[in-house]
Structures are given as C-alpha cells and as structure tokens.
Amino acid sequence: LADIAFRAAGNHVFGVYLLAQVCEIATFIAFYQLARAIVGGPQGVLAVLLSMTAVVFSSPSVEFGPLILARPLWALLLLHSWQLIGQNRRSAWFAWSIDCGLLLLTAPAAIGMILLVVGFALATERGRRTLRAVDPLYALLVIIVLALPYLVWLVRADVLALPALPALADLKARALRWGVVLGGLIVATA
C-alpha cells in the first residue's frame, strides 16, 4: 500500500504520510462507531478524544507500516465483534471475517488478538449464542481463503518449523536460571 501511495503522489513521500493519516482517521471513526454503539454519542466523542490523546503522545503516526495499518483493522474488528455479540447483527459476519483475514496478513500478533475476541465471545452467554450459528463457519472459510497464501509462503520459507530441542545437559542450567528468575520475582514482589 505504501508503494501505491508513494507512486500516486508523484513519487513523493507525502503519499505515504497521507496514507498513514487516513489509517489514523479510519481508526478513530471505527472507535467512535463502537463507542457510540456501547455508551452513546457524546460519551463516544469523549472516548475518541481520549484515544486520540493516548495515541498522539505514545507513538508516531507519521511513518506508515504494518502496525499503523493494523490499527484501523483492529478497531473495525472490535466494532464488528460488538455488532455481532452486543447487537446480534448477523450481517456483520462477512465484514468481521474480512477484518480478521486482513489483520492476519498485517500483524504477527493478530492471532493472539483474534483469540482474545474469540475468548471474550466464549466467556459470555451472548457470545456463545452467536457462535452456535452457521455464520461463523462461513466467516472461518473467508478467513482461511484470505490467509492461505500467506500461510503457504510461511511453510515454504520454513518459518513455522519447530526449534530444535535443547540437549539434556543444558536442561539443568536452564532450570537453575529459571529458578533464579522466579526467586528474584518473588523477592521483588514481597
């Protein structure tokens, strides 16, 4: 995307900057939609302003990268999750699956983030009721179709290979270091 934005701006870095700002604006629009659905319009504006303050002072949004692109995808995933679980809108399944698939292609931490949403759904009665329908199976199919080329690339690059097990002689030293770290944590919290 950054290359497309760079070329569209006449081979100028302003296009990449503009793309980063569009991602930020999309993130805050999704935050507002989510906050408005949960707590109402005026409180939603305050939630967005608080989020803007935290984001502006915590990380630069001038450069564009996978984490900048993951922000609006994550916000949209949360919005569509709320529409599915909180508002019982079955029509949001397709958008939710697209969000998941694109997030998997964007950020390495996406699996953990998606598992948090699924864990929330499993922890609530409304979420379990939502997951009992047939729609999640179709959403899973869309996610697999989106993420399959990336998974094939990972397998071919041997990125998913398991690391070699440590030698038996190393286990004693590792256990000793683990005990020292655990003891230090216990002393530090006491």
Protein backbone atom coordinates (compact mmCIF):
# COMPACT_ATOMS: atom_id res chain seq x y z
CA LEU A 1 0.00 0.00 0.00
CA ALA A 2 2.80 2.39 0.82
CA ASP A 3 4.32 1.89 -2.61
CA ILE A 4 0.99 2.58 -4.28
CA ALA A 5 0.52 5.75 -2.20
CA PHE A 6 4.10 6.82 -2.96
CA ARG A 7 3.59 6.41 -6.70
CA ALA A 8 0.13 8.02 -6.65
CA ALA A 9 1.63 11.13 -5.07
CA GLY A 10 4.11 11.50 -7.92
CA ASN A 11 6.95 9.56 -6.25
CA HIS A 12 6.75 11.80 -3.21
CA VAL A 13 6.76 10.70 0.43
CA PHE A 14 3.69 12.85 1.06
CA GLY A 15 1.56 9.99 -0.30
CA VAL A 16 2.85 7.65 2.39
CA TYR A 17 2.24 10.30 5.05
CA LEU A 18 -1.29 10.78 3.74
CA LEU A 19 -1.89 7.02 3.84
CA ALA A 20 -0.76 6.90 7.48
CA GLN A 21 -3.14 9.74 8.33
CA VAL A 22 -6.01 8.01 6.52
CA CYS A 23 -5.34 4.92 8.65
CA GLU A 24 -5.45 7.05 11.81
CA ILE A 25 -8.70 8.72 10.75
CA ALA A 26 -10.26 5.35 9.89
CA THR A 27 -9.21 4.07 13.31
CA PHE A 28 -10.89 6.92 15.13
CA ILE A 29 -14.04 6.69 13.03
CA ALA A 30 -14.32 3.00 13.94
CA PHE A 31 -13.62 3.87 17.61
CA TYR A 32 -16.40 6.43 17.54
CA GLN A 33 -18.86 4.00 15.94
CA LEU A 34 -18.02 1.41 18.60
CA ALA A 35 -18.21 3.87 21.49
CA ARG A 36 -21.48 5.33 20.19
CA ALA A 37 -22.99 1.85 19.96
CA ILE A 38 -21.93 0.99 23.51
CA VAL A 39 -22.33 4.20 25.52
CA GLY A 40 -23.94 6.82 23.26
CA GLY A 41 -22.89 9.73 21.05
CA PRO A 42 -21.45 12.34 23.47
CA GLN A 43 -19.60 9.73 25.50
CA GLY A 44 -18.34 8.22 22.25
CA VAL A 45 -16.79 11.55 21.30
CA LEU A 46 -15.04 11.70 24.68
CA ALA A 47 -13.76 8.14 24.23
CA VAL A 48 -12.35 9.02 20.81
CA LEU A 49 -10.69 12.17 22.18
CA LEU A 50 -9.14 10.14 24.99
CA SER A 51 -7.92 7.55 22.49
CA MET A 52 -6.51 10.28 20.25
CA THR A 53 -4.61 11.73 23.19
CA ALA A 54 -3.14 8.36 24.09
CA VAL A 55 -2.15 7.58 20.51
CA VAL A 56 -0.73 11.01 19.70
CA PHE A 57 1.53 11.04 22.74
CA SER A 58 2.55 7.38 22.61
CA SER A 59 3.57 6.56 19.06
CA PRO A 60 4.42 8.37 15.87
CA SER A 61 1.81 8.18 13.15
CA VAL A 62 3.94 9.96 10.57
CA GLU A 63 5.52 6.82 9.16
CA PHE A 64 3.45 4.07 7.62
CA GLY A 65 3.98 0.41 8.43
CA PRO A 66 2.17 -2.78 9.36
CA LEU A 67 1.32 -1.56 12.85
CA ILE A 68 -0.24 1.66 11.53
CA LEU A 69 -2.31 -0.41 9.10
CA ALA A 70 -3.29 -2.84 11.86
CA ARG A 71 -4.86 -0.06 13.97
CA PRO A 72 -7.95 0.54 11.81
CA LEU A 73 -8.28 -3.18 11.12
CA TRP A 74 -8.27 -3.91 14.86
CA ALA A 75 -10.76 -1.10 15.52
CA LEU A 76 -13.05 -2.43 12.78
CA LEU A 77 -12.71 -5.96 14.15
CA LEU A 78 -13.80 -4.74 17.59
CA LEU A 79 -16.68 -2.77 16.08
CA HIS A 80 -17.91 -5.76 14.09
CA SER A 81 -17.44 -8.03 17.12
CA TRP A 82 -19.70 -5.72 19.11
CA GLN A 83 -22.24 -5.70 16.30
CA LEU A 84 -22.22 -9.49 16.32
CA ILE A 85 -22.26 -10.09 20.07
CA GLY A 86 -23.78 -6.95 21.54
CA GLN A 87 -26.28 -6.04 18.86
CA ASN A 88 -26.95 -9.52 17.42
CA ARG A 89 -26.42 -8.31 13.84
CA ARG A 90 -25.68 -11.41 11.79
CA SER A 91 -24.96 -9.26 8.75
CA ALA A 92 -21.62 -8.24 10.31
CA TRP A 93 -20.08 -11.71 9.94
CA PHE A 94 -18.72 -11.07 6.47
CA ALA A 95 -17.08 -7.78 7.50
CA TRP A 96 -15.72 -9.48 10.64
CA SER A 97 -14.12 -12.23 8.56
CA ILE A 98 -12.55 -9.71 6.17
CA ASP A 99 -11.18 -7.78 9.16
CA CYS A 100 -9.69 -10.96 10.62
CA GLY A 101 -8.14 -12.08 7.35
CA LEU A 102 -6.55 -8.70 6.64
CA LEU A 103 -5.34 -8.40 10.23
CA LEU A 104 -3.69 -11.82 9.93
CA LEU A 105 -1.89 -10.60 6.83
CA THR A 106 -0.82 -7.38 8.55
CA ALA A 107 0.44 -8.11 12.06
CA PRO A 108 2.23 -11.12 13.55
CA ALA A 109 0.33 -10.60 16.81
CA ALA A 110 -3.02 -10.88 15.04
CA ILE A 111 -3.59 -14.50 16.05
CA GLY A 112 -3.37 -13.58 19.72
CA MET A 113 -5.61 -10.56 19.24
CA ILE A 114 -8.25 -12.59 17.41
CA LEU A 115 -8.06 -15.28 20.09
CA LEU A 116 -8.82 -12.59 22.70
CA VAL A 117 -12.01 -11.67 20.83
CA VAL A 118 -12.98 -15.34 20.48
CA GLY A 119 -12.21 -15.86 24.18
CA PHE A 120 -14.50 -12.95 25.04
CA ALA A 121 -17.22 -14.48 22.88
CA LEU A 122 -16.83 -17.83 24.60
CA ALA A 123 -16.90 -16.21 28.05
CA THR A 124 -20.28 -14.54 27.56
CA GLU A 125 -23.67 -16.12 27.04
CA ARG A 126 -24.49 -13.81 24.12
CA GLY A 127 -21.15 -14.65 22.52
CA ARG A 128 -21.69 -18.39 22.83
CA ARG A 129 -25.15 -17.98 21.33
CA THR A 130 -23.63 -16.02 18.43
CA LEU A 131 -21.01 -18.71 17.82
CA ARG A 132 -23.61 -21.52 17.72
CA ALA A 133 -24.96 -20.32 14.36
CA VAL A 134 -23.72 -21.42 10.94
CA ASP A 135 -22.38 -17.96 10.11
CA PRO A 136 -19.06 -18.41 11.99
CA LEU A 137 -18.24 -21.36 9.74
CA TYR A 138 -18.64 -19.20 6.65
CA ALA A 139 -16.54 -16.50 8.31
CA LEU A 140 -13.83 -19.05 9.05
CA LEU A 141 -13.87 -20.11 5.41
CA VAL A 142 -13.36 -16.49 4.28
CA ILE A 143 -10.51 -16.06 6.78
CA ILE A 144 -8.81 -19.21 5.50
CA VAL A 145 -9.16 -18.08 1.88
CA LEU A 146 -7.61 -14.70 2.74
CA ALA A 147 -4.78 -16.05 4.88
CA LEU A 148 -3.96 -19.24 2.93
CA PRO A 149 -1.44 -17.69 0.52
CA TYR A 150 0.44 -16.17 3.47
CA LEU A 151 0.39 -19.50 5.32
CA VAL A 152 1.72 -21.31 2.24
CA TRP A 153 4.51 -18.73 2.00
CA LEU A 154 5.37 -19.24 5.68
CA VAL A 155 5.51 -23.02 5.26
CA ARG A 156 7.71 -22.76 2.17
CA ALA A 157 10.06 -20.37 3.96
CA ASP A 158 10.32 -22.82 6.90
CA VAL A 159 9.26 -20.11 9.32
CA LEU A 160 6.78 -22.43 11.05
CA ALA A 161 9.41 -25.10 11.75
CA LEU A 162 9.77 -26.03 15.40
CA PRO A 163 13.09 -25.15 17.01
CA ALA A 164 15.45 -27.94 17.98
CA LEU A 165 15.04 -29.29 21.48
CA PRO A 166 17.85 -28.42 23.89
CA ALA A 167 20.33 -31.07 24.88
CA LEU A 168 19.77 -32.87 28.18
CA ALA A 169 22.94 -31.29 29.58
CA ASP A 170 21.51 -27.82 29.02
CA LEU A 171 18.28 -28.54 30.87
CA LYS A 172 19.92 -28.37 34.32
CA ALA A 173 21.42 -24.95 33.60
CA ARG A 174 18.13 -23.68 32.19
CA ALA A 175 16.17 -24.94 35.19
CA LEU A 176 18.66 -23.25 37.52
CA ARG A 177 18.33 -19.92 35.64
CA TRP A 178 14.56 -20.26 35.66
CA GLY A 179 14.65 -20.80 39.44
CA VAL A 180 16.86 -17.73 39.93
CA VAL A 181 14.50 -15.55 37.86
CA LEU A 182 11.44 -16.89 39.69
CA GLY A 183 13.12 -16.32 43.04
CA GLY A 184 14.01 -12.77 42.02
CA LEU A 185 10.41 -12.12 41.07
CA ILE A 186 9.17 -13.46 44.40
CA VAL A 187 11.66 -11.29 46.31
CA ALA A 188 10.77 -8.25 44.22
CA THR A 189 7.05 -8.60 44.92
CA ALA A 190 7.48 -9.22 48.64
